[in-house]
Amino acid sequence: MTKKNIKTIGLQPWVQADDTQAVIQAICGDLRGAEAPLRFVGGCVRNALLGHDINDIDLATPLTPDEVTERLEKAGLKAIPTGIEHGTVTAVANHKPFEITTLREDVETDGRRAVVAFTSDWAVDASRRDFTMNALYAAPDGTVYDDVGGLADLEHNRVRFIGDPAQRITEDALRILRFFRIHA
């Protein structure tokens, strides 16, 4: 694993949107930086860094799915257990969905689905993802965290698997298709 890099994307319009702010407030309260228990992850961070449109917003958290659900419902937001066995709860704010997934590590995989264990370690979660550019996290204040070299890969226009490519593909064969889709 590479040394952690940190930069900022600033306060993006999609982060400042009322629906996004409702989710952030429900989960984080007043915490917005490194101490926030919620970070944007994957395509929305990658696309923000590249200046591309943001199509969907995925988030990661060290909170358990039950804690996420409790916080969302307390704030009056809908919580849907869309992939609860993998730690995913979909928050709905102003009719817009936000997938919030508990940090995890893969314990066992069958080539498509994984048995997971929840963790509170952002670096462990990053290391199980597919590509370095999809393992970038951004706190609600715009600070971007990179544990696997995704910033350098974006800068050099590289699509690179995290760790051993053969292992990543063995864990989930659909990563081959995602590789070509992103590379294109």
Protein backbone atom coordinates (compact mmCIF):
# COMPACT_ATOMS: atom_id res chain seq x y z
CA MET A 1 0.00 0.00 0.00
CA THR A 2 1.22 3.48 -0.81
CA LYS A 3 1.64 6.35 1.61
CA LYS A 4 -1.62 8.16 2.36
CA ASN A 5 -2.16 11.24 0.22
CA ILE A 6 -4.54 14.03 1.11
CA LYS A 7 -5.89 16.85 -1.06
CA THR A 8 -9.17 18.73 -1.38
CA ILE A 9 -11.96 18.95 -3.93
CA GLY A 10 -13.46 21.91 -2.11
CA LEU A 11 -17.15 22.20 -1.40
CA GLN A 12 -18.76 20.78 -4.52
CA PRO A 13 -22.27 21.88 -5.58
CA TRP A 14 -23.52 18.30 -5.22
CA VAL A 15 -22.21 18.21 -1.63
CA GLN A 16 -23.86 21.54 -0.84
CA ALA A 17 -27.23 20.42 -2.27
CA ASP A 18 -30.03 20.31 0.31
CA ASP A 19 -30.62 16.57 -0.08
CA THR A 20 -26.93 15.73 0.37
CA GLN A 21 -26.68 18.09 3.35
CA ALA A 22 -29.69 16.38 4.96
CA VAL A 23 -27.89 13.02 4.81
CA ILE A 24 -24.63 14.50 6.09
CA GLN A 25 -26.42 16.22 8.98
CA ALA A 26 -28.30 13.04 9.88
CA ILE A 27 -25.13 10.94 10.06
CA CYS A 28 -22.47 13.46 11.10
CA GLY A 29 -24.17 16.23 13.01
CA ASP A 30 -21.62 19.05 13.10
CA LEU A 31 -18.57 16.88 12.26
CA ARG A 32 -17.29 17.62 8.77
CA GLY A 33 -13.54 16.81 8.51
CA ALA A 34 -11.44 13.75 9.28
CA GLU A 35 -13.49 13.03 12.40
CA ALA A 36 -16.76 12.81 10.42
CA PRO A 37 -18.24 9.30 10.48
CA LEU A 38 -19.16 9.58 6.80
CA ARG A 39 -17.18 10.03 3.59
CA PHE A 40 -18.10 10.12 -0.07
CA VAL A 41 -16.48 7.28 -1.98
CA GLY A 42 -15.92 5.95 -5.46
CA GLY A 43 -17.33 7.45 -8.62
CA CYS A 44 -18.55 10.73 -7.16
CA VAL A 45 -15.09 11.52 -5.77
CA ARG A 46 -13.33 10.29 -8.91
CA ASN A 47 -15.63 12.31 -11.18
CA ALA A 48 -15.32 15.44 -9.04
CA LEU A 49 -11.55 15.25 -9.33
CA LEU A 50 -11.81 14.77 -13.10
CA GLY A 51 -14.41 17.52 -13.53
CA HIS A 52 -17.05 15.08 -14.80
CA ASP A 53 -20.75 14.96 -13.95
CA ILE A 54 -21.80 13.24 -10.73
CA ASN A 55 -24.47 10.64 -11.47
CA ASP A 56 -24.87 8.99 -8.10
CA ILE A 57 -23.52 9.52 -4.61
CA ASP A 58 -22.11 6.64 -2.60
CA LEU A 59 -20.91 7.04 0.96
CA ALA A 60 -18.95 4.95 3.43
CA THR A 61 -19.05 4.94 7.22
CA PRO A 62 -17.60 3.08 10.18
CA LEU A 63 -21.12 3.05 11.68
CA THR A 64 -23.04 -0.22 11.57
CA PRO A 65 -26.12 -0.49 9.33
CA ASP A 66 -28.31 -0.34 12.46
CA GLU A 67 -26.63 2.90 13.58
CA VAL A 68 -27.00 4.39 10.09
CA THR A 69 -30.69 3.44 9.98
CA GLU A 70 -31.29 4.86 13.46
CA ARG A 71 -29.63 8.20 12.61
CA LEU A 72 -31.46 8.54 9.30
CA GLU A 73 -34.85 7.78 10.79
CA LYS A 74 -34.23 10.10 13.75
CA ALA A 75 -33.59 12.87 11.20
CA GLY A 76 -36.84 12.04 9.38
CA LEU A 77 -35.15 10.45 6.36
CA LYS A 78 -36.17 7.16 4.81
CA ALA A 79 -33.74 4.26 5.32
CA ILE A 80 -33.98 1.23 3.03
CA PRO A 81 -31.94 -1.92 3.88
CA THR A 82 -30.89 -2.50 0.25
CA GLY A 83 -27.84 -4.67 0.88
CA ILE A 84 -27.84 -5.09 4.61
CA GLU A 85 -25.74 -8.30 4.54
CA HIS A 86 -23.00 -6.22 2.91
CA GLY A 87 -23.64 -3.21 5.13
CA THR A 88 -25.57 -1.05 2.65
CA VAL A 89 -28.47 1.17 3.62
CA THR A 90 -30.03 3.51 1.08
CA ALA A 91 -30.93 6.91 2.49
CA VAL A 92 -33.64 8.83 0.66
CA ALA A 93 -33.66 12.61 0.95
CA ASN A 94 -36.03 14.68 -1.22
CA HIS A 95 -36.68 11.55 -3.33
CA LYS A 96 -32.93 11.17 -4.07
CA PRO A 97 -31.17 7.91 -3.08
CA PHE A 98 -27.77 7.81 -1.36
CA GLU A 99 -26.13 4.43 -0.75
CA ILE A 100 -24.33 4.35 2.60
CA THR A 101 -22.16 1.29 3.20
CA THR A 102 -20.39 0.29 6.41
CA LEU A 103 -16.62 -0.05 6.09
CA ARG A 104 -15.83 -3.71 5.51
CA GLU A 105 -13.34 -6.32 4.54
CA ASP A 106 -13.97 -9.41 2.45
CA VAL A 107 -13.70 -12.58 4.51
CA GLU A 108 -14.59 -14.98 1.70
CA THR A 109 -15.62 -14.62 -1.95
CA ASP A 110 -17.06 -16.95 -4.58
CA GLY A 111 -16.09 -14.95 -7.64
CA ARG A 112 -19.10 -12.66 -7.44
CA ARG A 113 -20.43 -12.25 -3.88
CA ALA A 114 -18.46 -11.76 -0.70
CA VAL A 115 -18.98 -12.61 2.92
CA VAL A 116 -17.89 -9.49 4.77
CA ALA A 117 -16.85 -8.37 8.22
CA PHE A 118 -17.41 -4.78 9.27
CA THR A 119 -14.45 -2.65 10.29
CA SER A 120 -13.78 0.90 11.42
CA ASP A 121 -10.55 1.16 9.39
CA TRP A 122 -10.78 3.29 6.25
CA ALA A 123 -7.54 1.81 4.85
CA VAL A 124 -8.83 -1.76 5.23
CA ASP A 125 -12.00 -0.82 3.35
CA ALA A 126 -9.96 0.91 0.62
CA SER A 127 -7.72 -2.12 0.14
CA ARG A 128 -10.66 -4.41 -0.72
CA ARG A 129 -12.05 -2.18 -3.46
CA ASP A 130 -11.49 -2.72 -7.18
CA PHE A 131 -9.48 0.19 -8.62
CA THR A 132 -7.31 2.81 -6.94
CA MET A 133 -9.44 5.64 -8.33
CA ASN A 134 -12.55 4.06 -6.77
CA ALA A 135 -10.93 3.90 -3.33
CA LEU A 136 -10.76 7.67 -2.90
CA TYR A 137 -12.79 9.06 -0.02
CA ALA A 138 -13.87 12.66 0.52
CA ALA A 139 -15.02 14.02 3.87
CA PRO A 140 -18.00 16.40 3.87
CA ASP A 141 -15.55 19.34 4.04
CA GLY A 142 -13.99 18.30 0.69
CA THR A 143 -10.81 16.72 2.04
CA VAL A 144 -9.87 13.74 -0.16
CA TYR A 145 -8.15 10.72 1.41
CA ASP A 146 -6.10 8.27 -0.66
CA ASP A 147 -4.61 5.12 0.88
CA VAL A 148 -3.85 3.25 -2.36
CA GLY A 149 -2.42 5.69 -4.92
CA GLY A 150 -5.63 6.67 -6.68
CA LEU A 151 -4.74 10.37 -6.92
CA ALA A 152 -1.52 9.63 -8.82
CA ASP A 153 -3.33 7.17 -11.07
CA LEU A 154 -5.99 9.76 -11.91
CA GLU A 155 -3.31 12.34 -12.61
CA HIS A 156 -1.60 9.92 -15.02
CA ASN A 157 -4.86 8.65 -16.54
CA ARG A 158 -4.30 5.07 -15.29
CA VAL A 159 -6.92 2.52 -14.37
CA ARG A 160 -5.13 0.26 -11.90
CA PHE A 161 -6.35 -2.59 -9.73
CA ILE A 162 -5.63 -2.37 -6.01
CA GLY A 163 -3.03 -4.95 -5.05
CA ASP A 164 -2.82 -8.08 -7.19
CA PRO A 165 -5.07 -7.78 -10.28
CA ALA A 166 -5.57 -11.55 -10.50
CA GLN A 167 -6.81 -11.63 -6.91
CA ARG A 168 -9.18 -8.68 -7.50
CA ILE A 169 -10.64 -10.43 -10.56
CA THR A 170 -10.92 -13.77 -8.73
CA GLU A 171 -12.88 -12.00 -5.98
CA ASP A 172 -15.37 -10.56 -8.49
CA ALA A 173 -15.21 -11.43 -12.20
CA LEU A 174 -17.35 -8.40 -13.13
CA ARG A 175 -14.35 -6.22 -12.30
CA ILE A 176 -13.04 -7.10 -15.76
CA LEU A 177 -16.05 -5.40 -17.34
CA ARG A 178 -15.74 -2.40 -15.00
CA PHE A 179 -12.07 -2.11 -15.93
CA PHE A 180 -12.87 -1.77 -19.63
CA ARG A 181 -15.85 0.53 -19.01
CA ILE A 182 -13.76 2.92 -16.90
CA HIS A 183 -10.74 2.65 -19.20
CA ALA A 184 -12.90 3.65 -22.18
